Amino acid sequence: KAELEANIRMFWKFLLRLMIENVFQLHLQLTCLGLSLALSGWDSACKNMLGSIALSFFFLLLKLGQTAFATTPNGAPMGPMVVCFAGFPVGYAIAKFIAIFACSQSLLNITGCAVLEI
């Protein structure tokens, strides 16, 4: 029972600290950059946002690596859990980053490049 509780705490720590804090921030920054580019084009603020996104992505990868090589309290590796739960959100963030340069309005949604009708 104590082992199960420790594993549940580790999972919530992973989910809250890594996924919600870092991945959500990265997606929010990418969306803000895409909207800024779609509405006003490249300017110095967008370049600053790009630098902030690069730092967020670096720290996300750092935390992913740290978590992937950690073990649960019962000694099980965390790597498979990291791949299962972080694979899609991180992959989608990479796709949103590529869309900033590839899509005409710098935005991506689930179905492809998003089009704003302003």
PDB file of N, CA and C in Angstrom:
ATOM      1  N   LYS A   1       0.821  -1.196   0.000  1.00  0.00           N
ATOM      2  CA  LYS A   1       0.000   0.000   0.000  1.00  0.00           C
ATOM      3  C   LYS A   1       0.867   1.265   0.000  1.00  0.00           C
ATOM      4  N   ALA A   2       1.895   1.285   0.806  1.00  0.00           N
ATOM      5  CA  ALA A   2       2.771   2.459   0.858  1.00  0.00           C
ATOM      6  C   ALA A   2       3.489   2.650  -0.475  1.00  0.00           C
ATOM      7  N   GLU A   3       3.828   1.527  -1.117  1.00  0.00           N
ATOM      8  CA  GLU A   3       4.496   1.603  -2.413  1.00  0.00           C
ATOM      9  C   GLU A   3       3.567   2.199  -3.473  1.00  0.00           C
ATOM     10  N   LEU A   4       2.314   1.805  -3.442  1.00  0.00           N
ATOM     11  CA  LEU A   4       1.328   2.350  -4.381  1.00  0.00           C
ATOM     12  C   LEU A   4       1.124   3.845  -4.157  1.00  0.00           C
ATOM     13  N   GLU A   5       1.033   4.259  -2.916  1.00  0.00           N
ATOM     14  CA  GLU A   5       0.871   5.685  -2.603  1.00  0.00           C
ATOM     15  C   GLU A   5       2.084   6.489  -3.065  1.00  0.00           C
ATOM     16  N   ALA A   6       3.270   5.938  -2.903  1.00  0.00           N
ATOM     17  CA  ALA A   6       4.482   6.622  -3.351  1.00  0.00           C
ATOM     18  C   ALA A   6       4.492   6.752  -4.867  1.00  0.00           C
ATOM     19  N   ASN A   7       4.060   5.716  -5.570  1.00  0.00           N
ATOM     20  CA  ASN A   7       3.990   5.786  -7.032  1.00  0.00           C
ATOM     21  C   ASN A   7       2.952   6.801  -7.497  1.00  0.00           C
ATOM     22  N   ILE A   8       1.831   6.873  -6.813  1.00  0.00           N
ATOM     23  CA  ILE A   8       0.803   7.857  -7.159  1.00  0.00           C
ATOM     24  C   ILE A   8       1.316   9.271  -6.928  1.00  0.00           C
ATOM     25  N   ARG A   9       2.016   9.493  -5.823  1.00  0.00           N
ATOM     26  CA  ARG A   9       2.611  10.818  -5.565  1.00  0.00           C
ATOM     27  C   ARG A   9       3.621  11.182  -6.651  1.00  0.00           C
ATOM     28  N   MET A  10       4.425  10.222  -7.076  1.00  0.00           N
ATOM     29  CA  MET A  10       5.421  10.461  -8.118  1.00  0.00           C
ATOM     30  C   MET A  10       4.730  10.816  -9.435  1.00  0.00           C
ATOM     31  N   PHE A  11       3.632  10.110  -9.743  1.00  0.00           N
ATOM     32  CA  PHE A  11       2.897  10.398 -10.970  1.00  0.00           C
ATOM     33  C   PHE A  11       2.326  11.809 -10.940  1.00  0.00           C
ATOM     34  N   TRP A  12       1.695  12.197  -9.839  1.00  0.00           N
ATOM     35  CA  TRP A  12       1.117  13.543  -9.752  1.00  0.00           C
ATOM     36  C   TRP A  12       2.197  14.607  -9.782  1.00  0.00           C
ATOM     37  N   LYS A  13       3.332  14.331  -9.178  1.00  0.00           N
ATOM     38  CA  LYS A  13       4.457  15.268  -9.237  1.00  0.00           C
ATOM     39  C   LYS A  13       4.898  15.448 -10.680  1.00  0.00           C
ATOM     40  N   PHE A  14       5.007  14.343 -11.397  1.00  0.00           N
ATOM     41  CA  PHE A  14       5.369  14.398 -12.811  1.00  0.00           C
ATOM     42  C   PHE A  14       4.326  15.174 -13.604  1.00  0.00           C
ATOM     43  N   LEU A  15       3.061  14.838 -13.391  1.00  0.00           N
ATOM     44  CA  LEU A  15       1.985  15.463 -14.145  1.00  0.00           C
ATOM     45  C   LEU A  15       1.901  16.958 -13.859  1.00  0.00           C
ATOM     46  N   LEU A  16       1.934  17.336 -12.609  1.00  0.00           N
ATOM     47  CA  LEU A  16       1.763  18.744 -12.251  1.00  0.00           C
ATOM     48  C   LEU A  16       3.002  19.579 -12.553  1.00  0.00           C
ATOM     49  N   ARG A  17       4.163  19.100 -12.162  1.00  0.00           N
ATOM     50  CA  ARG A  17       5.368  19.908 -12.311  1.00  0.00           C
ATOM     51  C   ARG A  17       5.864  19.982 -13.740  1.00  0.00           C
ATOM     52  N   LEU A  18       5.822  18.876 -14.428  1.00  0.00           N
ATOM     53  CA  LEU A  18       6.406  18.842 -15.760  1.00  0.00           C
ATOM     54  C   LEU A  18       5.383  19.162 -16.827  1.00  0.00           C
ATOM     55  N   MET A  19       4.318  18.418 -16.833  1.00  0.00           N
ATOM     56  CA  MET A  19       3.366  18.549 -17.925  1.00  0.00           C
ATOM     57  C   MET A  19       2.584  19.856 -17.867  1.00  0.00           C
ATOM     58  N   ILE A  20       1.965  20.118 -16.748  1.00  0.00           N
ATOM     59  CA  ILE A  20       1.103  21.296 -16.688  1.00  0.00           C
ATOM     60  C   ILE A  20       1.928  22.566 -16.658  1.00  0.00           C
ATOM     61  N   GLU A  21       2.938  22.609 -15.834  1.00  0.00           N
ATOM     62  CA  GLU A  21       3.733  23.838 -15.699  1.00  0.00           C
ATOM     63  C   GLU A  21       4.504  24.159 -16.977  1.00  0.00           C
ATOM     64  N   ASN A  22       5.287  23.224 -17.462  1.00  0.00           N
ATOM     65  CA  ASN A  22       6.185  23.511 -18.577  1.00  0.00           C
ATOM     66  C   ASN A  22       5.541  23.369 -19.948  1.00  0.00           C
ATOM     67  N   VAL A  23       4.811  22.297 -20.167  1.00  0.00           N
ATOM     68  CA  VAL A  23       4.213  22.083 -21.484  1.00  0.00           C
ATOM     69  C   VAL A  23       3.120  23.114 -21.741  1.00  0.00           C
ATOM     70  N   PHE A  24       2.297  23.397 -20.750  1.00  0.00           N
ATOM     71  CA  PHE A  24       1.247  24.398 -20.928  1.00  0.00           C
ATOM     72  C   PHE A  24       1.860  25.767 -21.226  1.00  0.00           C
ATOM     73  N   GLN A  25       2.912  26.127 -20.502  1.00  0.00           N
ATOM     74  CA  GLN A  25       3.578  27.408 -20.743  1.00  0.00           C
ATOM     75  C   GLN A  25       4.126  27.473 -22.164  1.00  0.00           C
ATOM     76  N   LEU A  26       4.741  26.412 -22.627  1.00  0.00           N
ATOM     77  CA  LEU A  26       5.304  26.387 -23.969  1.00  0.00           C
ATOM     78  C   LEU A  26       4.209  26.538 -25.022  1.00  0.00           C
ATOM     79  N   HIS A  27       3.108  25.826 -24.857  1.00  0.00           N
ATOM     80  CA  HIS A  27       2.003  25.938 -25.812  1.00  0.00           C
ATOM     81  C   HIS A  27       1.407  27.343 -25.807  1.00  0.00           C
ATOM     82  N   LEU A  28       1.279  27.924 -24.643  1.00  0.00           N
ATOM     83  CA  LEU A  28       0.746  29.283 -24.541  1.00  0.00           C
ATOM     84  C   LEU A  28       1.675  30.285 -25.227  1.00  0.00           C
ATOM     85  N   GLN A  29       2.962  30.153 -25.010  1.00  0.00           N
ATOM     86  CA  GLN A  29       3.918  31.049 -25.661  1.00  0.00           C
ATOM     87  C   GLN A  29       3.890  30.891 -27.178  1.00  0.00           C
ATOM     88  N   LEU A  30       3.808  29.663 -27.652  1.00  0.00           N
ATOM     89  CA  LEU A  30       3.763  29.427 -29.100  1.00  0.00           C
ATOM     90  C   LEU A  30       2.493  30.009 -29.716  1.00  0.00           C
ATOM     91  N   THR A  31       1.382  29.868 -29.031  1.00  0.00           N
ATOM     92  CA  THR A  31       0.126  30.435 -29.537  1.00  0.00           C
ATOM     93  C   THR A  31       0.184  31.953 -29.560  1.00  0.00           C
ATOM     94  N   CYS A  32       0.721  32.558 -28.514  1.00  0.00           N
ATOM     95  CA  CYS A  32       0.853  34.025 -28.484  1.00  0.00           C
ATOM     96  C   CYS A  32       1.760  34.517 -29.611  1.00  0.00           C
ATOM     97  N   LEU A  33       2.855  33.820 -29.844  1.00  0.00           N
ATOM     98  CA  LEU A  33       3.748  34.207 -30.929  1.00  0.00           C
ATOM     99  C   LEU A  33       3.054  34.067 -32.276  1.00  0.00           C
ATOM    100  N   GLY A  34       2.353  32.960 -32.478  1.00  0.00           N
ATOM    101  CA  GLY A  34       1.633  32.764 -33.728  1.00  0.00           C
ATOM    102  C   GLY A  34       0.587  33.835 -33.972  1.00  0.00           C
ATOM    103  N   LEU A  35      -0.157  34.183 -32.934  1.00  0.00           N
ATOM    104  CA  LEU A  35      -1.167  35.243 -33.074  1.00  0.00           C
ATOM    105  C   LEU A  35      -0.517  36.588 -33.368  1.00  0.00           C
ATOM    106  N   SER A  36       0.566  36.887 -32.690  1.00  0.00           N
ATOM    107  CA  SER A  36       1.273  38.159 -32.943  1.00  0.00           C
ATOM    108  C   SER A  36       1.778  38.224 -34.371  1.00  0.00           C
ATOM    109  N   LEU A  37       2.325  37.122 -34.855  1.00  0.00           N
ATOM    110  CA  LEU A  37       2.820  37.108 -36.230  1.00  0.00           C
ATOM    111  C   LEU A  37       1.678  37.220 -37.233  1.00  0.00           C
ATOM    112  N   ALA A  38       0.574  36.549 -36.957  1.00  0.00           N
ATOM    113  CA  ALA A  38      -0.566  36.604 -37.876  1.00  0.00           C
ATOM    114  C   ALA A  38      -1.164  38.004 -37.934  1.00  0.00           C
ATOM    115  N   LEU A  39      -1.139  38.709 -36.831  1.00  0.00           N
ATOM    116  CA  LEU A  39      -1.777  40.021 -36.781  1.00  0.00           C
ATOM    117  C   LEU A  39      -0.855  41.168 -37.178  1.00  0.00           C
ATOM    118  N   SER A  40       0.423  41.076 -36.811  1.00  0.00           N
ATOM    119  CA  SER A  40       1.290  42.232 -37.056  1.00  0.00           C
ATOM    120  C   SER A  40       2.623  41.905 -37.721  1.00  0.00           C
ATOM    121  N   GLY A  41       2.926  40.653 -37.974  1.00  0.00           N
ATOM    122  CA  GLY A  41       4.188  40.299 -38.603  1.00  0.00           C
ATOM    123  C   GLY A  41       5.343  40.317 -37.613  1.00  0.00           C
ATOM    124  N   TRP A  42       6.553  40.092 -38.136  1.00  0.00           N
ATOM    125  CA  TRP A  42       7.749  40.041 -37.287  1.00  0.00           C
ATOM    126  C   TRP A  42       8.104  41.429 -36.783  1.00  0.00           C
ATOM    127  N   ASP A  43       8.342  41.535 -35.510  1.00  0.00           N
ATOM    128  CA  ASP A  43       8.857  42.758 -34.909  1.00  0.00           C
ATOM    129  C   ASP A  43       9.760  42.356 -33.747  1.00  0.00           C
ATOM    130  N   SER A  44      10.266  43.334 -33.028  1.00  0.00           N
ATOM    131  CA  SER A  44      11.217  43.015 -31.955  1.00  0.00           C
ATOM    132  C   SER A  44      10.561  42.214 -30.836  1.00  0.00           C
ATOM    133  N   ALA A  45       9.277  42.439 -30.591  1.00  0.00           N
ATOM    134  CA  ALA A  45       8.586  41.671 -29.546  1.00  0.00           C
ATOM    135  C   ALA A  45       8.525  40.193 -29.915  1.00  0.00           C
ATOM    136  N   CYS A  46       8.313  39.902 -31.191  1.00  0.00           N
ATOM    137  CA  CYS A  46       8.268  38.500 -31.636  1.00  0.00           C
ATOM    138  C   CYS A  46       9.630  37.842 -31.490  1.00  0.00           C
ATOM    139  N   LYS A  47      10.672  38.595 -31.756  1.00  0.00           N
ATOM    140  CA  LYS A  47      12.018  38.044 -31.586  1.00  0.00           C
ATOM    141  C   LYS A  47      12.289  37.742 -30.111  1.00  0.00           C
ATOM    142  N   ASN A  48      11.809  38.609 -29.224  1.00  0.00           N
ATOM    143  CA  ASN A  48      11.957  38.355 -27.792  1.00  0.00           C
ATOM    144  C   ASN A  48      11.163  37.129 -27.369  1.00  0.00           C
ATOM    145  N   MET A  49       9.950  36.984 -27.919  1.00  0.00           N
ATOM    146  CA  MET A  49       9.138  35.803 -27.610  1.00  0.00           C
ATOM    147  C   MET A  49       9.826  34.534 -28.085  1.00  0.00           C
ATOM    148  N   LEU A  50      10.469  34.606 -29.236  1.00  0.00           N
ATOM    149  CA  LEU A  50      11.180  33.444 -29.767  1.00  0.00           C
ATOM    150  C   LEU A  50      12.309  33.019 -28.822  1.00  0.00           C
ATOM    151  N   GLY A  51      13.005  33.995 -28.270  1.00  0.00           N
ATOM    152  CA  GLY A  51      14.045  33.687 -27.284  1.00  0.00           C
ATOM    153  C   GLY A  51      13.470  33.057 -26.026  1.00  0.00           C
ATOM    154  N   SER A  52      12.332  33.558 -25.584  1.00  0.00           N
ATOM    155  CA  SER A  52      11.672  32.999 -24.406  1.00  0.00           C
ATOM    156  C   SER A  52      11.198  31.574 -24.670  1.00  0.00           C
ATOM    157  N   ILE A  53      10.697  31.332 -25.868  1.00  0.00           N
ATOM    158  CA  ILE A  53      10.253  29.986 -26.247  1.00  0.00           C
ATOM    159  C   ILE A  53      11.438  29.029 -26.261  1.00  0.00           C
ATOM    160  N   ALA A  54      12.563  29.485 -26.776  1.00  0.00           N
ATOM    161  CA  ALA A  54      13.762  28.638 -26.808  1.00  0.00           C
ATOM    162  C   ALA A  54      14.181  28.248 -25.385  1.00  0.00           C
ATOM    163  N   LEU A  55      14.145  29.207 -24.453  1.00  0.00           N
ATOM    164  CA  LEU A  55      14.489  28.898 -23.062  1.00  0.00           C
ATOM    165  C   LEU A  55      13.479  27.932 -22.440  1.00  0.00           C
ATOM    166  N   SER A  56      12.199  28.153 -22.700  1.00  0.00           N
ATOM    167  CA  SER A  56      11.165  27.261 -22.156  1.00  0.00           C
ATOM    168  C   SER A  56      11.352  25.846 -22.684  1.00  0.00           C
ATOM    169  N   PHE A  57      11.635  25.719 -23.973  1.00  0.00           N
ATOM    170  CA  PHE A  57      11.826  24.402 -24.567  1.00  0.00           C
ATOM    171  C   PHE A  57      13.073  23.726 -23.992  1.00  0.00           C
ATOM    172  N   PHE A  58      14.139  24.486 -23.795  1.00  0.00           N
ATOM    173  CA  PHE A  58      15.360  23.946 -23.208  1.00  0.00           C
ATOM    174  C   PHE A  58      15.084  23.394 -21.812  1.00  0.00           C
ATOM    175  N   PHE A  59      14.389  24.171 -20.972  1.00  0.00           N
ATOM    176  CA  PHE A  59      14.114  23.716 -19.613  1.00  0.00           C
ATOM    177  C   PHE A  59      13.121  22.556 -19.594  1.00  0.00           C
ATOM    178  N   LEU A  60      12.201  22.526 -20.551  1.00  0.00           N
ATOM    179  CA  LEU A  60      11.290  21.386 -20.661  1.00  0.00           C
ATOM    180  C   LEU A  60      12.073  20.117 -20.974  1.00  0.00           C
ATOM    181  N   LEU A  61      12.983  20.197 -21.943  1.00  0.00           N
ATOM    182  CA  LEU A  61      13.794  19.024 -22.275  1.00  0.00           C
ATOM    183  C   LEU A  61      14.675  18.608 -21.111  1.00  0.00           C
ATOM    184  N   LEU A  62      15.187  19.582 -20.380  1.00  0.00           N
ATOM    185  CA  LEU A  62      16.007  19.280 -19.208  1.00  0.00           C
ATOM    186  C   LEU A  62      15.196  18.522 -18.160  1.00  0.00           C
ATOM    187  N   LYS A  63      13.982  18.999 -17.885  1.00  0.00           N
ATOM    188  CA  LYS A  63      13.138  18.317 -16.901  1.00  0.00           C
ATOM    189  C   LYS A  63      12.667  16.959 -17.411  1.00  0.00           C
ATOM    190  N   LEU A  64      12.386  16.857 -18.713  1.00  0.00           N
ATOM    191  CA  LEU A  64      12.005  15.555 -19.277  1.00  0.00           C
ATOM    192  C   LEU A  64      13.132  14.545 -19.111  1.00  0.00           C
ATOM    193  N   GLY A  65      14.343  14.971 -19.408  1.00  0.00           N
ATOM    194  CA  GLY A  65      15.496  14.085 -19.251  1.00  0.00           C
ATOM    195  C   GLY A  65      15.719  13.682 -17.818  1.00  0.00           C
ATOM    196  N   GLN A  66      15.580  14.640 -16.920  1.00  0.00           N
ATOM    197  CA  GLN A  66      15.753  14.351 -15.503  1.00  0.00           C
ATOM    198  C   GLN A  66      14.702  13.355 -15.024  1.00  0.00           C
ATOM    199  N   THR A  67      13.473  13.544 -15.459  1.00  0.00           N
ATOM    200  CA  THR A  67      12.392  12.653 -15.046  1.00  0.00           C
ATOM    201  C   THR A  67      12.527  11.282 -15.706  1.00  0.00           C
ATOM    202  N   ALA A  68      12.943  11.258 -16.969  1.00  0.00           N
ATOM    203  CA  ALA A  68      13.039   9.979 -17.688  1.00  0.00           C
ATOM    204  C   ALA A  68      14.068   9.046 -17.059  1.00  0.00           C
ATOM    205  N   PHE A  69      15.112   9.603 -16.466  1.00  0.00           N
ATOM    206  CA  PHE A  69      16.143   8.764 -15.868  1.00  0.00           C
ATOM    207  C   PHE A  69      15.941   8.561 -14.371  1.00  0.00           C
ATOM    208  N   ALA A  70      14.856   9.097 -13.843  1.00  0.00           N
ATOM    209  CA  ALA A  70      14.533   8.884 -12.431  1.00  0.00           C
ATOM    210  C   ALA A  70      13.853   7.529 -12.273  1.00  0.00           C
ATOM    211  N   THR A  71      13.741   7.103 -11.043  1.00  0.00           N
ATOM    212  CA  THR A  71      13.031   5.864 -10.749  1.00  0.00           C
ATOM    213  C   THR A  71      11.933   6.148  -9.744  1.00  0.00           C
ATOM    214  N   THR A  72      10.908   5.313  -9.781  1.00  0.00           N
ATOM    215  CA  THR A  72       9.844   5.421  -8.796  1.00  0.00           C
ATOM    216  C   THR A  72      10.369   4.889  -7.471  1.00  0.00           C
ATOM    217  N   PRO A  73       9.647   5.136  -6.380  1.00  0.00           N
ATOM    218  CA  PRO A  73      10.127   4.641  -5.079  1.00  0.00           C
ATOM    219  C   PRO A  73      10.334   3.126  -5.017  1.00  0.00           C
ATOM    220  N   ASN A  74       9.642   2.372  -5.876  1.00  0.00           N
ATOM    221  CA  ASN A  74       9.861   0.920  -5.860  1.00  0.00           C
ATOM    222  C   ASN A  74      10.950   0.485  -6.832  1.00  0.00           C
ATOM    223  N   GLY A  75      11.644   1.450  -7.477  1.00  0.00           N
ATOM    224  CA  GLY A  75      12.768   1.137  -8.338  1.00  0.00           C
ATOM    225  C   GLY A  75      12.439   1.015  -9.810  1.00  0.00           C
ATOM    226  N   ALA A  76      11.178   1.177 -10.183  1.00  0.00           N
ATOM    227  CA  ALA A  76      10.792   1.080 -11.593  1.00  0.00           C
ATOM    228  C   ALA A  76      11.244   2.337 -12.337  1.00  0.00           C
ATOM    229  N   PRO A  77      11.692   2.203 -13.573  1.00  0.00           N
ATOM    230  CA  PRO A  77      12.128   3.392 -14.330  1.00  0.00           C
ATOM    231  C   PRO A  77      10.938   4.267 -14.722  1.00  0.00           C
ATOM    232  N   MET A  78      11.160   5.575 -14.754  1.00  0.00           N
ATOM    233  CA  MET A  78      10.109   6.520 -15.120  1.00  0.00           C
ATOM    234  C   MET A  78      10.066   6.760 -16.627  1.00  0.00           C
ATOM    235  N   GLY A  79      11.074   6.290 -17.365  1.00  0.00           N
ATOM    236  CA  GLY A  79      11.170   6.557 -18.794  1.00  0.00           C
ATOM    237  C   GLY A  79       9.927   6.217 -19.594  1.00  0.00           C
ATOM    238  N   PRO A  80       9.355   5.010 -19.434  1.00  0.00           N
ATOM    239  CA  PRO A  80       8.151   4.686 -20.214  1.00  0.00           C
ATOM    240  C   PRO A  80       6.975   5.619 -19.922  1.00  0.00           C
ATOM    241  N   MET A  81       6.824   6.012 -18.661  1.00  0.00           N
ATOM    242  CA  MET A  81       5.735   6.931 -18.321  1.00  0.00           C
ATOM    243  C   MET A  81       5.963   8.290 -18.967  1.00  0.00           C
ATOM    244  N   VAL A  82       7.200   8.755 -18.978  1.00  0.00           N
ATOM    245  CA  VAL A  82       7.507  10.040 -19.597  1.00  0.00           C
ATOM    246  C   VAL A  82       7.183  10.002 -21.083  1.00  0.00           C
ATOM    247  N   VAL A  83       7.561   8.930 -21.752  1.00  0.00           N
ATOM    248  CA  VAL A  83       7.291   8.809 -23.186  1.00  0.00           C
ATOM    249  C   VAL A  83       5.785   8.767 -23.441  1.00  0.00           C
ATOM    250  N   CYS A  84       5.058   8.001 -22.633  1.00  0.00           N
ATOM    251  CA  CYS A  84       3.612   7.864 -22.843  1.00  0.00           C
ATOM    252  C   CYS A  84       2.871   9.178 -22.628  1.00  0.00           C
ATOM    253  N   PHE A  85       3.180   9.882 -21.571  1.00  0.00           N
ATOM    254  CA  PHE A  85       2.407  11.067 -21.226  1.00  0.00           C
ATOM    255  C   PHE A  85       2.944  12.355 -21.835  1.00  0.00           C
ATOM    256  N   ALA A  86       4.225  12.406 -22.155  1.00  0.00           N
ATOM    257  CA  ALA A  86       4.793  13.643 -22.678  1.00  0.00           C
ATOM    258  C   ALA A  86       4.997  13.615 -24.182  1.00  0.00           C
ATOM    259  N   GLY A  87       4.914  12.460 -24.787  1.00  0.00           N
ATOM    260  CA  GLY A  87       5.184  12.350 -26.218  1.00  0.00           C
ATOM    261  C   GLY A  87       4.298  13.222 -27.076  1.00  0.00           C
ATOM    262  N   PHE A  88       2.981  13.113 -26.912  1.00  0.00           N
ATOM    263  CA  PHE A  88       2.068  13.893 -27.747  1.00  0.00           C
ATOM    264  C   PHE A  88       2.165  15.397 -27.478  1.00  0.00           C
ATOM    265  N   PRO A  89       2.089  15.864 -26.227  1.00  0.00           N
ATOM    266  CA  PRO A  89       2.153  17.318 -26.015  1.00  0.00           C
ATOM    267  C   PRO A  89       3.459  17.946 -26.487  1.00  0.00           C
ATOM    268  N   VAL A  90       4.568  17.268 -26.284  1.00  0.00           N
ATOM    269  CA  VAL A  90       5.849  17.820 -26.730  1.00  0.00           C
ATOM    270  C   VAL A  90       5.938  17.770 -28.257  1.00  0.00           C
ATOM    271  N   GLY A  91       5.476  16.686 -28.858  1.00  0.00           N
ATOM    272  CA  GLY A  91       5.454  16.603 -30.322  1.00  0.00           C
ATOM    273  C   GLY A  91       4.569  17.665 -30.940  1.00  0.00           C
ATOM    274  N   TYR A  92       3.423  17.920 -30.319  1.00  0.00           N
ATOM    275  CA  TYR A  92       2.518  18.954 -30.818  1.00  0.00           C
ATOM    276  C   TYR A  92       3.146  20.344 -30.663  1.00  0.00           C
ATOM    277  N   ALA A  93       3.888  20.571 -29.588  1.00  0.00           N
ATOM    278  CA  ALA A  93       4.587  21.852 -29.414  1.00  0.00           C
ATOM    279  C   ALA A  93       5.631  22.036 -30.511  1.00  0.00           C
ATOM    280  N   ILE A  94       6.333  20.979 -30.860  1.00  0.00           N
ATOM    281  CA  ILE A  94       7.312  21.063 -31.950  1.00  0.00           C
ATOM    282  C   ILE A  94       6.611  21.367 -33.266  1.00  0.00           C
ATOM    283  N   ALA A  95       5.455  20.735 -33.492  1.00  0.00           N
ATOM    284  CA  ALA A  95       4.684  21.004 -34.709  1.00  0.00           C
ATOM    285  C   ALA A  95       4.201  22.457 -34.741  1.00  0.00           C
ATOM    286  N   LYS A  96       3.787  22.990 -33.590  1.00  0.00           N
ATOM    287  CA  LYS A  96       3.353  24.391 -33.540  1.00  0.00           C
ATOM    288  C   LYS A  96       4.522  25.334 -33.833  1.00  0.00           C
ATOM    289  N   PHE A  97       5.713  24.959 -33.371  1.00  0.00           N
ATOM    290  CA  PHE A  97       6.891  25.777 -33.651  1.00  0.00           C
ATOM    291  C   PHE A  97       7.200  25.775 -35.145  1.00  0.00           C
ATOM    292  N   ILE A  98       7.138  24.617 -35.756  1.00  0.00           N
ATOM    293  CA  ILE A  98       7.383  24.525 -37.202  1.00  0.00           C
ATOM    294  C   ILE A  98       6.322  25.306 -37.968  1.00  0.00           C
ATOM    295  N   ALA A  99       5.083  25.268 -37.492  1.00  0.00           N
ATOM    296  CA  ALA A  99       3.987  25.982 -38.162  1.00  0.00           C
ATOM    297  C   ALA A  99       4.196  27.492 -38.159  1.00  0.00           C
ATOM    298  N   ILE A 100       4.919  27.997 -37.182  1.00  0.00           N
ATOM    299  CA  ILE A 100       5.185  29.435 -37.141  1.00  0.00           C
ATOM    300  C   ILE A 100       5.887  29.866 -38.425  1.00  0.00           C
ATOM    301  N   PHE A 101       6.734  29.007 -38.955  1.00  0.00           N
ATOM    302  CA  PHE A 101       7.475  29.335 -40.166  1.00  0.00           C
ATOM    303  C   PHE A 101       6.832  28.754 -41.425  1.00  0.00           C
ATOM    304  N   ALA A 102       6.064  27.659 -41.287  1.00  0.00           N
ATOM    305  CA  ALA A 102       5.532  26.969 -42.454  1.00  0.00           C
ATOM    306  C   ALA A 102       4.119  27.403 -42.849  1.00  0.00           C
ATOM    307  N   CYS A 103       3.303  27.783 -41.891  1.00  0.00           N
ATOM    308  CA  CYS A 103       1.916  28.158 -42.190  1.00  0.00           C
ATOM    309  C   CYS A 103       1.831  29.632 -42.567  1.00  0.00           C
ATOM    310  N   SER A 104       0.894  29.943 -43.427  1.00  0.00           N
ATOM    311  CA  SER A 104       0.772  31.330 -43.913  1.00  0.00           C
ATOM    312  C   SER A 104       0.440  32.304 -42.795  1.00  0.00           C
ATOM    313  N   GLN A 105      -0.341  31.867 -41.804  1.00  0.00           N
ATOM    314  CA  GLN A 105      -0.674  32.765 -40.690  1.00  0.00           C
ATOM    315  C   GLN A 105      -0.026  32.326 -39.381  1.00  0.00           C
ATOM    316  N   SER A 106       0.968  31.486 -39.472  1.00  0.00           N
ATOM    317  CA  SER A 106       1.806  31.078 -38.332  1.00  0.00           C
ATOM    318  C   SER A 106       1.055  30.390 -37.207  1.00  0.00           C
ATOM    319  N   LEU A 107      -0.073  29.779 -37.502  1.00  0.00           N
ATOM    320  CA  LEU A 107      -0.858  29.105 -36.468  1.00  0.00           C
ATOM    321  C   LEU A 107      -1.193  27.683 -36.897  1.00  0.00           C
ATOM    322  N   LEU A 108      -1.276  26.801 -35.921  1.00  0.00           N
ATOM    323  CA  LEU A 108      -1.594  25.404 -36.179  1.00  0.00           C
ATOM    324  C   LEU A 108      -2.687  24.965 -35.223  1.00  0.00           C
ATOM    325  N   ASN A 109      -3.634  24.194 -35.726  1.00  0.00           N
ATOM    326  CA  ASN A 109      -4.574  23.508 -34.855  1.00  0.00           C
ATOM    327  C   ASN A 109      -4.534  22.026 -35.195  1.00  0.00           C
ATOM    328  N   ILE A 110      -5.402  21.258 -34.621  1.00  0.00           N
ATOM    329  CA  ILE A 110      -5.355  19.803 -34.797  1.00  0.00           C
ATOM    330  C   ILE A 110      -5.513  19.403 -36.273  1.00  0.00           C
ATOM    331  N   THR A 111      -6.290  20.149 -37.036  1.00  0.00           N
ATOM    332  CA  THR A 111      -6.550  19.775 -38.430  1.00  0.00           C
ATOM    333  C   THR A 111      -5.527  20.311 -39.421  1.00  0.00           C
ATOM    334  N   GLY A 112      -4.604  21.123 -38.988  1.00  0.00           N
ATOM    335  CA  GLY A 112      -3.579  21.678 -39.881  1.00  0.00           C
ATOM    336  C   GLY A 112      -3.389  23.167 -39.628  1.00  0.00           C
ATOM    337  N   CYS A 113      -2.895  23.846 -40.645  1.00  0.00           N
ATOM    338  CA  CYS A 113      -2.664  25.286 -40.516  1.00  0.00           C
ATOM    339  C   CYS A 113      -3.986  26.007 -40.283  1.00  0.00           C
ATOM    340  N   ALA A 114      -4.022  26.851 -39.292  1.00  0.00           N
ATOM    341  CA  ALA A 114      -5.226  27.600 -38.960  1.00  0.00           C
ATOM    342  C   ALA A 114      -5.281  28.865 -39.806  1.00  0.00           C
ATOM    343  N   VAL A 115      -6.490  29.281 -40.145  1.00  0.00           N
ATOM    344  CA  VAL A 115      -6.690  30.493 -40.923  1.00  0.00           C
ATOM    345  C   VAL A 115      -7.556  31.442 -40.117  1.00  0.00           C
ATOM    346  N   LEU A 116      -7.026  32.625 -39.880  1.00  0.00           N
ATOM    347  CA  LEU A 116      -7.792  33.653 -39.175  1.00  0.00           C
ATOM    348  C   LEU A 116      -8.534  34.509 -40.180  1.00  0.00           C
ATOM    349  N   GLU A 117      -9.785  34.727 -39.927  1.00  0.00           N
ATOM    350  CA  GLU A 117     -10.564  35.635 -40.779  1.00  0.00           C
ATOM    351  C   GLU A 117     -10.821  36.895 -39.992  1.00  0.00           C
ATOM    352  N   ILE A 118     -10.037  37.897 -40.290  1.00  0.00           N
ATOM    353  CA  ILE A 118     -10.105  39.154 -39.531  1.00  0.00           C
ATOM    354  C   ILE A 118     -10.781  40.225 -40.375  1.00  0.00           C
TER     355      ILE A 118
END
